[in-house]
């Protein structure tokens, strides 16, 4: 029975790593397309770039974000690290929760930019710059989250069960 639980935990952890890396990669692609849309003088490029951003957001980034969050929580709960036992896990949880919430709030900006590129009355310049800044910041946060998972700084939280500290 413990062998099955170990395999399940390994599969969930692998899924978490794949979805998390894919989320960061998708945000990197999003950033490149946002920079292209911001810097291109041709309005036809804007329409294509912002349509691509909207599609990338809804078809790739949002599902990866949710999967990364859920598999991260499951991985923590099923592992010796726990969800609130170590500071680095807790910081990853807080950063991922914040990044997920901000992503869901900022979906409106992407949709507005796609509409604006089609001439539907939004302020295109402000939206273009916001998308570049937002996606660069998101990539930075995802890099920090990945770094925490790799480095695993020491430190047990006050909410840790001290009997499991070893």
C-alpha atoms as a PDB file:
ATOM      1  CA  UNK A   1       0.000   0.000   0.000  1.00  0.00           C
ATOM      2  CA  UNK A   2       2.802   2.439   0.816  1.00  0.00           C
ATOM      3  CA  UNK A   3       4.375   1.615  -2.575  1.00  0.00           C
ATOM      4  CA  UNK A   4       1.190   2.749  -4.329  1.00  0.00           C
ATOM      5  CA  UNK A   5       1.109   5.921  -2.227  1.00  0.00           C
ATOM      6  CA  UNK A   6       4.752   6.582  -3.088  1.00  0.00           C
ATOM      7  CA  UNK A   7       4.057   6.147  -6.813  1.00  0.00           C
ATOM      8  CA  UNK A   8       1.026   8.411  -6.584  1.00  0.00           C
ATOM      9  CA  UNK A   9       3.079  11.042  -4.788  1.00  0.00           C
ATOM     10  CA  UNK A  10       5.815  10.762  -7.448  1.00  0.00           C
ATOM     11  CA  UNK A  11       3.311  11.129 -10.286  1.00  0.00           C
ATOM     12  CA  UNK A  12       1.738  14.188  -8.657  1.00  0.00           C
ATOM     13  CA  UNK A  13       5.174  15.712  -8.005  1.00  0.00           C
ATOM     14  CA  UNK A  14       6.216  15.092 -11.624  1.00  0.00           C
ATOM     15  CA  UNK A  15       2.966  16.631 -12.859  1.00  0.00           C
ATOM     16  CA  UNK A  16       3.595  19.623 -10.595  1.00  0.00           C
ATOM     17  CA  UNK A  17       7.117  20.135 -11.960  1.00  0.00           C
ATOM     18  CA  UNK A  18       5.949  19.833 -15.576  1.00  0.00           C
ATOM     19  CA  UNK A  19       2.978  22.181 -15.150  1.00  0.00           C
ATOM     20  CA  UNK A  20       5.032  24.720 -13.205  1.00  0.00           C
ATOM     21  CA  UNK A  21       7.849  24.815 -15.769  1.00  0.00           C
ATOM     22  CA  UNK A  22       5.280  24.969 -18.568  1.00  0.00           C
ATOM     23  CA  UNK A  23       3.489  27.851 -16.809  1.00  0.00           C
ATOM     24  CA  UNK A  24       6.740  29.832 -16.622  1.00  0.00           C
ATOM     25  CA  UNK A  25       7.572  29.024 -20.250  1.00  0.00           C
ATOM     26  CA  UNK A  26       4.097  30.087 -21.397  1.00  0.00           C
ATOM     27  CA  UNK A  27       4.478  33.371 -19.504  1.00  0.00           C
ATOM     28  CA  UNK A  28       7.870  33.891 -21.180  1.00  0.00           C
ATOM     29  CA  UNK A  29       6.249  33.408 -24.599  1.00  0.00           C
ATOM     30  CA  UNK A  30       3.417  35.726 -23.533  1.00  0.00           C
ATOM     31  CA  UNK A  31       6.015  38.378 -22.585  1.00  0.00           C
ATOM     32  CA  UNK A  32       7.749  38.112 -25.975  1.00  0.00           C
ATOM     33  CA  UNK A  33       4.437  38.489 -27.831  1.00  0.00           C
ATOM     34  CA  UNK A  34       3.419  41.392 -25.549  1.00  0.00           C
ATOM     35  CA  UNK A  35       6.712  43.155 -26.351  1.00  0.00           C
ATOM     36  CA  UNK A  36       6.126  42.528 -30.063  1.00  0.00           C
ATOM     37  CA  UNK A  37       2.605  43.963 -29.835  1.00  0.00           C
ATOM     38  CA  UNK A  38       3.861  46.966 -27.866  1.00  0.00           C
ATOM     39  CA  UNK A  39       6.782  47.766 -30.160  1.00  0.00           C
ATOM     40  CA  UNK A  40       5.313  46.986 -33.594  1.00  0.00           C
ATOM     41  CA  UNK A  41       4.119  50.052 -35.517  1.00  0.00           C
ATOM     42  CA  UNK A  42       1.733  48.060 -37.733  1.00  0.00           C
ATOM     43  CA  UNK A  43      -1.850  47.756 -36.474  1.00  0.00           C
ATOM     44  CA  UNK A  44      -2.191  44.400 -38.266  1.00  0.00           C
ATOM     45  CA  UNK A  45       0.599  43.068 -36.041  1.00  0.00           C
ATOM     46  CA  UNK A  46      -1.293  44.397 -33.002  1.00  0.00           C
ATOM     47  CA  UNK A  47      -4.438  42.505 -33.967  1.00  0.00           C
ATOM     48  CA  UNK A  48      -2.520  39.261 -34.433  1.00  0.00           C
ATOM     49  CA  UNK A  49      -0.369  39.696 -31.334  1.00  0.00           C
ATOM     50  CA  UNK A  50      -3.242  40.464 -28.988  1.00  0.00           C
ATOM     51  CA  UNK A  51      -5.414  37.698 -30.428  1.00  0.00           C
ATOM     52  CA  UNK A  52      -2.464  35.340 -29.803  1.00  0.00           C
ATOM     53  CA  UNK A  53      -2.113  36.665 -26.253  1.00  0.00           C
ATOM     54  CA  UNK A  54      -5.787  36.088 -25.493  1.00  0.00           C
ATOM     55  CA  UNK A  55      -5.624  32.560 -26.888  1.00  0.00           C
ATOM     56  CA  UNK A  56      -2.381  31.785 -25.029  1.00  0.00           C
ATOM     57  CA  UNK A  57      -3.862  33.102 -21.815  1.00  0.00           C
ATOM     58  CA  UNK A  58      -7.123  31.160 -21.892  1.00  0.00           C
ATOM     59  CA  UNK A  59      -5.982  27.931 -23.546  1.00  0.00           C
ATOM     60  CA  UNK A  60      -2.502  27.540 -22.016  1.00  0.00           C
ATOM     61  CA  UNK A  61      -1.682  29.844 -19.096  1.00  0.00           C
ATOM     62  CA  UNK A  62      -4.904  29.702 -17.062  1.00  0.00           C
ATOM     63  CA  UNK A  63      -5.150  25.878 -17.154  1.00  0.00           C
ATOM     64  CA  UNK A  64      -1.420  25.495 -16.336  1.00  0.00           C
ATOM     65  CA  UNK A  65      -1.735  27.966 -13.483  1.00  0.00           C
ATOM     66  CA  UNK A  66      -4.616  26.070 -11.923  1.00  0.00           C
ATOM     67  CA  UNK A  67      -2.931  22.686 -12.424  1.00  0.00           C
ATOM     68  CA  UNK A  68       0.356  23.951 -10.984  1.00  0.00           C
ATOM     69  CA  UNK A  69      -1.423  25.365  -7.946  1.00  0.00           C
ATOM     70  CA  UNK A  70      -3.462  22.218  -7.288  1.00  0.00           C
ATOM     71  CA  UNK A  71      -0.582  19.788  -7.835  1.00  0.00           C
ATOM     72  CA  UNK A  72       1.667  21.955  -5.658  1.00  0.00           C
ATOM     73  CA  UNK A  73      -0.785  21.824  -2.782  1.00  0.00           C
ATOM     74  CA  UNK A  74      -1.219  18.062  -3.225  1.00  0.00           C
ATOM     75  CA  UNK A  75       2.536  17.521  -3.418  1.00  0.00           C
ATOM     76  CA  UNK A  76       3.063  19.472  -0.207  1.00  0.00           C
ATOM     77  CA  UNK A  77       0.274  17.730   1.673  1.00  0.00           C
ATOM     78  CA  UNK A  78       1.460  14.279   0.584  1.00  0.00           C
ATOM     79  CA  UNK A  79       5.161  14.878   1.248  1.00  0.00           C
ATOM     80  CA  UNK A  80       7.341  15.299   4.307  1.00  0.00           C
ATOM     81  CA  UNK A  81       7.532  19.024   3.554  1.00  0.00           C
ATOM     82  CA  UNK A  82       3.916  19.687   4.491  1.00  0.00           C
ATOM     83  CA  UNK A  83       1.942  22.761   3.483  1.00  0.00           C
ATOM     84  CA  UNK A  84       2.861  25.069   6.381  1.00  0.00           C
ATOM     85  CA  UNK A  85       5.754  23.227   8.006  1.00  0.00           C
ATOM     86  CA  UNK A  86       8.674  24.888   6.176  1.00  0.00           C
ATOM     87  CA  UNK A  87       9.011  28.565   5.367  1.00  0.00           C
ATOM     88  CA  UNK A  88      10.057  27.941   1.770  1.00  0.00           C
ATOM     89  CA  UNK A  89       6.920  25.865   1.077  1.00  0.00           C
ATOM     90  CA  UNK A  90       4.729  28.466   2.759  1.00  0.00           C
ATOM     91  CA  UNK A  91       6.340  31.276   0.721  1.00  0.00           C
ATOM     92  CA  UNK A  92       5.820  29.273  -2.475  1.00  0.00           C
ATOM     93  CA  UNK A  93       2.178  28.777  -1.512  1.00  0.00           C
ATOM     94  CA  UNK A  94       1.662  32.483  -0.802  1.00  0.00           C
ATOM     95  CA  UNK A  95       3.447  33.571  -4.012  1.00  0.00           C
ATOM     96  CA  UNK A  96       1.595  31.022  -6.145  1.00  0.00           C
ATOM     97  CA  UNK A  97      -1.755  31.979  -4.614  1.00  0.00           C
ATOM     98  CA  UNK A  98      -1.015  35.652  -5.253  1.00  0.00           C
ATOM     99  CA  UNK A  99       0.194  35.003  -8.806  1.00  0.00           C
ATOM    100  CA  UNK A 100      -2.900  32.920  -9.537  1.00  0.00           C
ATOM    101  CA  UNK A 101      -5.253  35.563  -8.133  1.00  0.00           C
ATOM    102  CA  UNK A 102      -3.523  38.379 -10.034  1.00  0.00           C
ATOM    103  CA  UNK A 103      -3.570  36.362 -13.234  1.00  0.00           C
ATOM    104  CA  UNK A 104      -7.307  35.823 -12.950  1.00  0.00           C
ATOM    105  CA  UNK A 105      -7.857  39.538 -12.271  1.00  0.00           C
ATOM    106  CA  UNK A 106      -5.667  40.575 -15.198  1.00  0.00           C
ATOM    107  CA  UNK A 107      -7.428  38.378 -17.736  1.00  0.00           C
ATOM    108  CA  UNK A 108      -9.641  41.399 -18.355  1.00  0.00           C
ATOM    109  CA  UNK A 109      -6.604  43.411 -19.485  1.00  0.00           C
ATOM    110  CA  UNK A 110      -5.722  40.807 -22.111  1.00  0.00           C
ATOM    111  CA  UNK A 111      -9.296  40.647 -23.350  1.00  0.00           C
ATOM    112  CA  UNK A 112      -9.437  44.467 -23.479  1.00  0.00           C
ATOM    113  CA  UNK A 113      -6.164  44.583 -25.457  1.00  0.00           C
ATOM    114  CA  UNK A 114      -7.514  42.029 -27.940  1.00  0.00           C
ATOM    115  CA  UNK A 115     -10.676  44.134 -28.335  1.00  0.00           C
ATOM    116  CA  UNK A 116      -8.628  47.341 -28.663  1.00  0.00           C
ATOM    117  CA  UNK A 117      -6.448  45.814 -31.365  1.00  0.00           C
ATOM    118  CA  UNK A 118      -9.631  45.231 -33.322  1.00  0.00           C
ATOM    119  CA  UNK A 119     -10.602  48.894 -32.858  1.00  0.00           C
ATOM    120  CA  UNK A 120     -13.225  48.421 -30.172  1.00  0.00           C
ATOM    121  CA  UNK A 121     -12.508  51.636 -28.269  1.00  0.00           C
ATOM    122  CA  UNK A 122      -9.985  50.847 -25.512  1.00  0.00           C
ATOM    123  CA  UNK A 123      -6.830  52.878 -24.820  1.00  0.00           C
ATOM    124  CA  UNK A 124      -4.347  50.663 -26.645  1.00  0.00           C
ATOM    125  CA  UNK A 125      -1.114  52.322 -25.466  1.00  0.00           C
ATOM    126  CA  UNK A 126      -1.850  51.905 -21.760  1.00  0.00           C
ATOM    127  CA  UNK A 127      -2.938  48.289 -22.255  1.00  0.00           C
ATOM    128  CA  UNK A 128       0.181  47.457 -24.270  1.00  0.00           C
ATOM    129  CA  UNK A 129       2.550  48.733 -21.618  1.00  0.00           C
ATOM    130  CA  UNK A 130       0.566  47.119 -18.805  1.00  0.00           C
ATOM    131  CA  UNK A 131       0.753  43.710 -20.491  1.00  0.00           C
ATOM    132  CA  UNK A 132       4.532  43.966 -20.883  1.00  0.00           C
ATOM    133  CA  UNK A 133       5.015  45.028 -17.254  1.00  0.00           C
ATOM    134  CA  UNK A 134       2.540  42.466 -15.875  1.00  0.00           C
ATOM    135  CA  UNK A 135       4.029  39.561 -17.802  1.00  0.00           C
ATOM    136  CA  UNK A 136       7.617  40.547 -16.903  1.00  0.00           C
ATOM    137  CA  UNK A 137       6.633  40.746 -13.221  1.00  0.00           C
ATOM    138  CA  UNK A 138       4.803  37.403 -13.467  1.00  0.00           C
ATOM    139  CA  UNK A 139       7.871  35.765 -14.978  1.00  0.00           C
ATOM    140  CA  UNK A 140      10.013  37.184 -12.160  1.00  0.00           C
ATOM    141  CA  UNK A 141       7.656  35.805  -9.512  1.00  0.00           C
ATOM    142  CA  UNK A 142       7.575  32.395 -11.212  1.00  0.00           C
ATOM    143  CA  UNK A 143      11.389  32.368 -11.315  1.00  0.00           C
ATOM    144  CA  UNK A 144      11.451  33.165  -7.581  1.00  0.00           C
ATOM    145  CA  UNK A 145       8.968  30.355  -6.881  1.00  0.00           C
ATOM    146  CA  UNK A 146      11.100  27.924  -8.909  1.00  0.00           C
ATOM    147  CA  UNK A 147      14.226  29.070  -7.077  1.00  0.00           C
ATOM    148  CA  UNK A 148      12.612  28.455  -3.699  1.00  0.00           C
ATOM    149  CA  UNK A 149      11.666  24.940  -4.774  1.00  0.00           C
ATOM    150  CA  UNK A 150      15.183  24.227  -5.945  1.00  0.00           C
ATOM    151  CA  UNK A 151      17.165  25.852  -3.119  1.00  0.00           C
ATOM    152  CA  UNK A 152      14.761  24.922  -0.284  1.00  0.00           C
ATOM    153  CA  UNK A 153      16.060  27.430   2.290  1.00  0.00           C
ATOM    154  CA  UNK A 154      16.112  26.098   5.834  1.00  0.00           C
ATOM    155  CA  UNK A 155      13.621  27.082   8.458  1.00  0.00           C
ATOM    156  CA  UNK A 156      10.636  25.528  10.168  1.00  0.00           C
ATOM    157  CA  UNK A 157       7.515  27.603  10.759  1.00  0.00           C
ATOM    158  CA  UNK A 158       5.950  27.991  14.218  1.00  0.00           C
ATOM    159  CA  UNK A 159       3.021  25.933  12.898  1.00  0.00           C
ATOM    160  CA  UNK A 160       5.202  22.896  12.344  1.00  0.00           C
ATOM    161  CA  UNK A 161       4.574  19.747  14.297  1.00  0.00           C
ATOM    162  CA  UNK A 162       7.895  19.509  16.166  1.00  0.00           C
ATOM    163  CA  UNK A 163       7.556  15.743  16.499  1.00  0.00           C
ATOM    164  CA  UNK A 164       7.970  15.486  12.706  1.00  0.00           C
ATOM    165  CA  UNK A 165      10.956  17.867  12.564  1.00  0.00           C
ATOM    166  CA  UNK A 166      13.440  15.075  11.864  1.00  0.00           C
END
